[in-house]
Amino acid sequence: MYKRKLFYFGLTTALILLLALLCTAISAHLNRENLRQSNIAQSLLFEHERLSGTSYRLFKQLTDEVILGQNANQAFVRKKRSLISQSLSTIRQLELEQRDALGIQFTHGSVEDTDELEALIDEIIQEFQIVVQTINDEPLNQQERLRSLLEVTIDDEFRELINSAVNRQSSVVASINAQINTFNTAVVWFTFGLGVLSLSII
């Protein structure tokens, strides 16, 4: 009788330890994955903010060329366009990683909006070039075209796209952090329950 009780006690203890080890391994894996996704979302947030700042500095340089009648510093323009291209490439790579991990439903619109954003930046740069080339021939028409470019295309459309991307990644960061906190809380309670169960057996 005593041996049987001792056997059951050892078996139960072993099962509890096995369960605790399994829980620890799963917890470590899920936490590592959640942290990786949180880092991706944080990196995307940073890249969108950098893309926004670089683009606005380029737009200001091109606007000065139109208003002041000065030739833009082409080295500056090439550098900013190169930085914009790098940011867009990084954003695409991170968004694809994020979509593979979280699914299209959770990341709906992210990759597609980046294509739209790149097309809009190219359109804005081309519009600036057209205004510069023709402003002396049709100054009144080109002034209206420049006003529409600055107030509608840049201030409304470009700003809306950038803000939408930033807000989306901010939501993803908040959601992942909430999942991490919820999971960690569940692990704490599960561990506490195992401890209480172990004490009751003893």
Protein backbone atom coordinates (compact mmCIF):
# COMPACT_ATOMS: atom_id res chain seq x y z
CA MET A 1 0.00 0.00 0.00
CA TYR A 2 2.77 2.39 0.98
CA LYS A 3 4.75 1.53 -2.15
CA ARG A 4 1.71 2.19 -4.32
CA LYS A 5 1.17 5.61 -2.75
CA LEU A 6 4.84 6.39 -3.20
CA PHE A 7 4.63 5.31 -6.82
CA TYR A 8 1.59 7.51 -7.51
CA PHE A 9 3.24 10.40 -5.72
CA GLY A 10 6.39 10.05 -7.83
CA LEU A 11 4.37 9.68 -11.02
CA THR A 12 2.26 12.74 -10.23
CA THR A 13 5.34 14.78 -9.34
CA ALA A 14 7.03 13.73 -12.58
CA LEU A 15 3.93 14.70 -14.60
CA ILE A 16 3.76 18.08 -12.89
CA LEU A 17 7.44 18.71 -13.56
CA LEU A 18 7.02 17.61 -17.18
CA LEU A 19 4.03 19.90 -17.56
CA ALA A 20 5.95 22.79 -16.01
CA LEU A 21 8.90 22.22 -18.35
CA LEU A 22 6.58 22.00 -21.35
CA CYS A 23 4.83 25.19 -20.31
CA THR A 24 8.19 26.94 -19.91
CA ALA A 25 9.33 25.84 -23.37
CA ILE A 26 6.07 26.96 -25.01
CA SER A 27 6.18 30.23 -23.10
CA ALA A 28 9.75 30.94 -24.20
CA HIS A 29 8.90 30.18 -27.85
CA LEU A 30 5.75 32.30 -27.93
CA ASN A 31 7.43 35.17 -26.10
CA ARG A 32 10.33 35.08 -28.55
CA GLU A 33 7.93 35.15 -31.52
CA ASN A 34 5.83 37.94 -30.00
CA LEU A 35 8.94 40.01 -29.32
CA ARG A 36 10.13 39.44 -32.89
CA GLN A 37 6.81 40.66 -34.26
CA SER A 38 6.88 43.62 -31.88
CA ASN A 39 10.36 44.52 -33.16
CA ILE A 40 9.16 44.28 -36.77
CA ALA A 41 6.22 46.56 -36.05
CA GLN A 42 8.47 49.03 -34.21
CA SER A 43 10.91 49.01 -37.13
CA LEU A 44 8.07 49.62 -39.58
CA LEU A 45 6.85 52.50 -37.46
CA PHE A 46 10.35 54.01 -37.44
CA GLU A 47 10.81 53.54 -41.21
CA HIS A 48 7.49 55.21 -42.02
CA GLU A 49 8.38 58.17 -39.83
CA ARG A 50 11.80 58.43 -41.48
CA LEU A 51 10.22 58.15 -44.93
CA SER A 52 7.83 60.96 -44.03
CA GLY A 53 10.62 63.26 -42.82
CA THR A 54 12.86 62.56 -45.84
CA SER A 55 9.99 63.10 -48.30
CA TYR A 56 8.93 66.39 -46.75
CA ARG A 57 12.52 67.69 -46.86
CA LEU A 58 12.71 66.75 -50.54
CA PHE A 59 9.36 68.41 -51.26
CA LYS A 60 10.57 71.59 -49.54
CA GLN A 61 13.71 71.66 -51.69
CA LEU A 62 11.64 71.25 -54.85
CA THR A 63 9.16 73.91 -53.70
CA ASP A 64 12.01 76.38 -53.09
CA GLU A 65 13.20 75.76 -56.63
CA VAL A 66 9.79 76.69 -58.01
CA ILE A 67 9.14 79.71 -55.78
CA LEU A 68 12.63 81.21 -55.67
CA GLY A 69 13.53 80.36 -59.25
CA GLN A 70 16.66 78.52 -58.18
CA ASN A 71 17.98 75.27 -59.50
CA ALA A 72 17.61 72.49 -56.99
CA ASN A 73 20.76 70.98 -55.59
CA GLN A 74 20.72 67.81 -57.69
CA ALA A 75 23.09 66.03 -55.34
CA PHE A 76 20.65 66.75 -52.49
CA VAL A 77 17.70 65.56 -54.58
CA ARG A 78 19.47 62.34 -55.61
CA LYS A 79 20.47 61.65 -52.01
CA LYS A 80 16.92 62.15 -50.72
CA ARG A 81 15.43 60.02 -53.49
CA SER A 82 17.96 57.29 -52.68
CA LEU A 83 17.01 57.43 -48.99
CA ILE A 84 13.33 57.28 -49.93
CA SER A 85 13.98 54.24 -52.13
CA GLN A 86 15.88 52.51 -49.31
CA SER A 87 13.09 53.20 -46.81
CA LEU A 88 10.44 51.86 -49.19
CA SER A 89 12.50 48.72 -49.82
CA THR A 90 12.96 48.14 -46.07
CA ILE A 91 9.27 48.77 -45.43
CA ARG A 92 8.25 46.24 -48.09
CA GLN A 93 10.57 43.57 -46.69
CA LEU A 94 9.33 44.07 -43.13
CA GLU A 95 5.68 44.16 -44.21
CA LEU A 96 6.05 40.85 -46.05
CA GLU A 97 7.64 39.28 -42.95
CA GLN A 98 4.83 40.67 -40.84
CA ARG A 99 2.17 39.38 -43.23
CA ASP A 100 3.72 35.89 -43.32
CA ALA A 101 3.68 35.74 -39.52
CA LEU A 102 0.38 37.45 -38.71
CA GLY A 103 -1.73 36.74 -41.79
CA ILE A 104 -3.35 38.98 -44.38
CA GLN A 105 -6.38 39.75 -42.21
CA PHE A 106 -4.22 41.27 -39.47
CA THR A 107 -2.03 43.21 -41.96
CA HIS A 108 -4.68 44.06 -44.56
CA GLY A 109 -3.66 47.02 -46.72
CA SER A 110 -0.08 47.39 -45.51
CA VAL A 111 1.76 46.07 -48.58
CA GLU A 112 -0.77 47.58 -50.99
CA ASP A 113 -0.58 51.01 -49.32
CA THR A 114 3.21 51.02 -49.70
CA ASP A 115 2.85 50.56 -53.48
CA GLU A 116 0.37 53.44 -53.52
CA LEU A 117 2.71 55.56 -51.41
CA GLU A 118 5.64 54.99 -53.77
CA ALA A 119 3.51 55.84 -56.79
CA LEU A 120 2.30 59.04 -55.11
CA ILE A 121 5.85 60.18 -54.25
CA ASP A 122 6.91 59.61 -57.88
CA GLU A 123 3.86 61.53 -59.07
CA ILE A 124 4.67 64.48 -56.77
CA ILE A 125 8.27 64.65 -58.00
CA GLN A 126 7.13 64.53 -61.63
CA GLU A 127 4.60 67.30 -60.97
CA PHE A 128 7.33 69.50 -59.52
CA GLN A 129 9.45 68.90 -62.62
CA ILE A 130 6.57 69.84 -64.93
CA VAL A 131 5.85 73.04 -62.98
CA VAL A 132 9.52 74.09 -63.07
CA GLN A 133 9.79 73.46 -66.82
CA THR A 134 6.61 75.34 -67.80
CA ILE A 135 6.14 78.05 -65.16
CA ASN A 136 7.61 80.76 -67.39
CA ASP A 137 5.30 79.86 -70.27
CA GLU A 138 2.04 79.71 -68.29
CA PRO A 139 2.74 81.32 -64.91
CA LEU A 140 -0.88 81.64 -63.75
CA ASN A 141 -1.82 78.07 -64.67
CA GLN A 142 1.33 76.69 -63.12
CA GLN A 143 0.79 78.68 -59.93
CA GLU A 144 -2.61 77.02 -59.58
CA ARG A 145 -1.05 73.67 -60.38
CA LEU A 146 1.60 74.23 -57.70
CA ARG A 147 -1.06 75.26 -55.18
CA SER A 148 -3.01 72.06 -55.88
CA LEU A 149 0.17 70.02 -55.61
CA LEU A 150 1.09 71.51 -52.23
CA GLU A 151 -2.35 71.71 -50.64
CA VAL A 152 -4.12 68.68 -52.10
CA THR A 153 -1.57 66.11 -53.21
CA ILE A 154 1.01 66.65 -50.45
CA ASP A 155 -0.96 68.08 -47.51
CA ASP A 156 -3.99 65.83 -48.01
CA GLU A 157 -3.18 62.67 -49.98
CA PHE A 158 0.45 62.12 -48.96
CA ARG A 159 -0.13 63.06 -45.33
CA GLU A 160 -3.18 60.78 -45.16
CA LEU A 161 -1.26 57.80 -46.55
CA ILE A 162 1.68 58.31 -44.18
CA ASN A 163 -0.57 58.84 -41.16
CA SER A 164 -2.59 55.74 -42.06
CA ALA A 165 0.57 53.61 -42.21
CA VAL A 166 1.90 55.03 -38.92
CA ASN A 167 -1.44 54.53 -37.16
CA ARG A 168 -1.72 50.97 -38.47
CA GLN A 169 1.72 50.02 -37.14
CA SER A 170 1.04 51.77 -33.84
CA SER A 171 -2.08 49.59 -33.51
CA VAL A 172 -0.08 46.46 -34.35
CA VAL A 173 2.55 47.35 -31.73
CA ALA A 174 -0.15 47.94 -29.10
CA SER A 175 -1.95 44.70 -30.01
CA ILE A 176 1.22 42.58 -29.85
CA ASN A 177 2.26 44.14 -26.54
CA ALA A 178 -1.22 43.42 -25.16
CA GLN A 179 -0.89 39.78 -26.29
CA ILE A 180 2.50 39.53 -24.58
CA ASN A 181 1.09 40.93 -21.32
CA THR A 182 -1.95 38.65 -21.47
CA PHE A 183 0.17 35.58 -22.15
CA ASN A 184 2.63 36.41 -19.38
CA THR A 185 -0.26 36.85 -16.94
CA ALA A 186 -1.69 33.47 -17.96
CA VAL A 187 1.72 31.82 -17.45
CA VAL A 188 2.00 33.33 -13.97
CA TRP A 189 -1.43 32.02 -12.96
CA PHE A 190 -0.75 28.62 -14.50
CA THR A 191 2.53 28.36 -12.58
CA PHE A 192 0.76 29.42 -9.41
CA GLY A 193 -1.87 26.72 -10.01
CA LEU A 194 0.82 24.08 -10.46
CA GLY A 195 2.41 25.20 -7.21
CA VAL A 196 -0.88 24.91 -5.33
CA LEU A 197 -1.50 21.48 -6.88
CA SER A 198 1.98 20.32 -5.85
CA LEU A 199 1.43 21.49 -2.26
CA SER A 200 -1.93 19.71 -2.08
CA ILE A 201 -0.30 16.46 -3.19
CA ILE A 202 2.47 16.77 -0.63
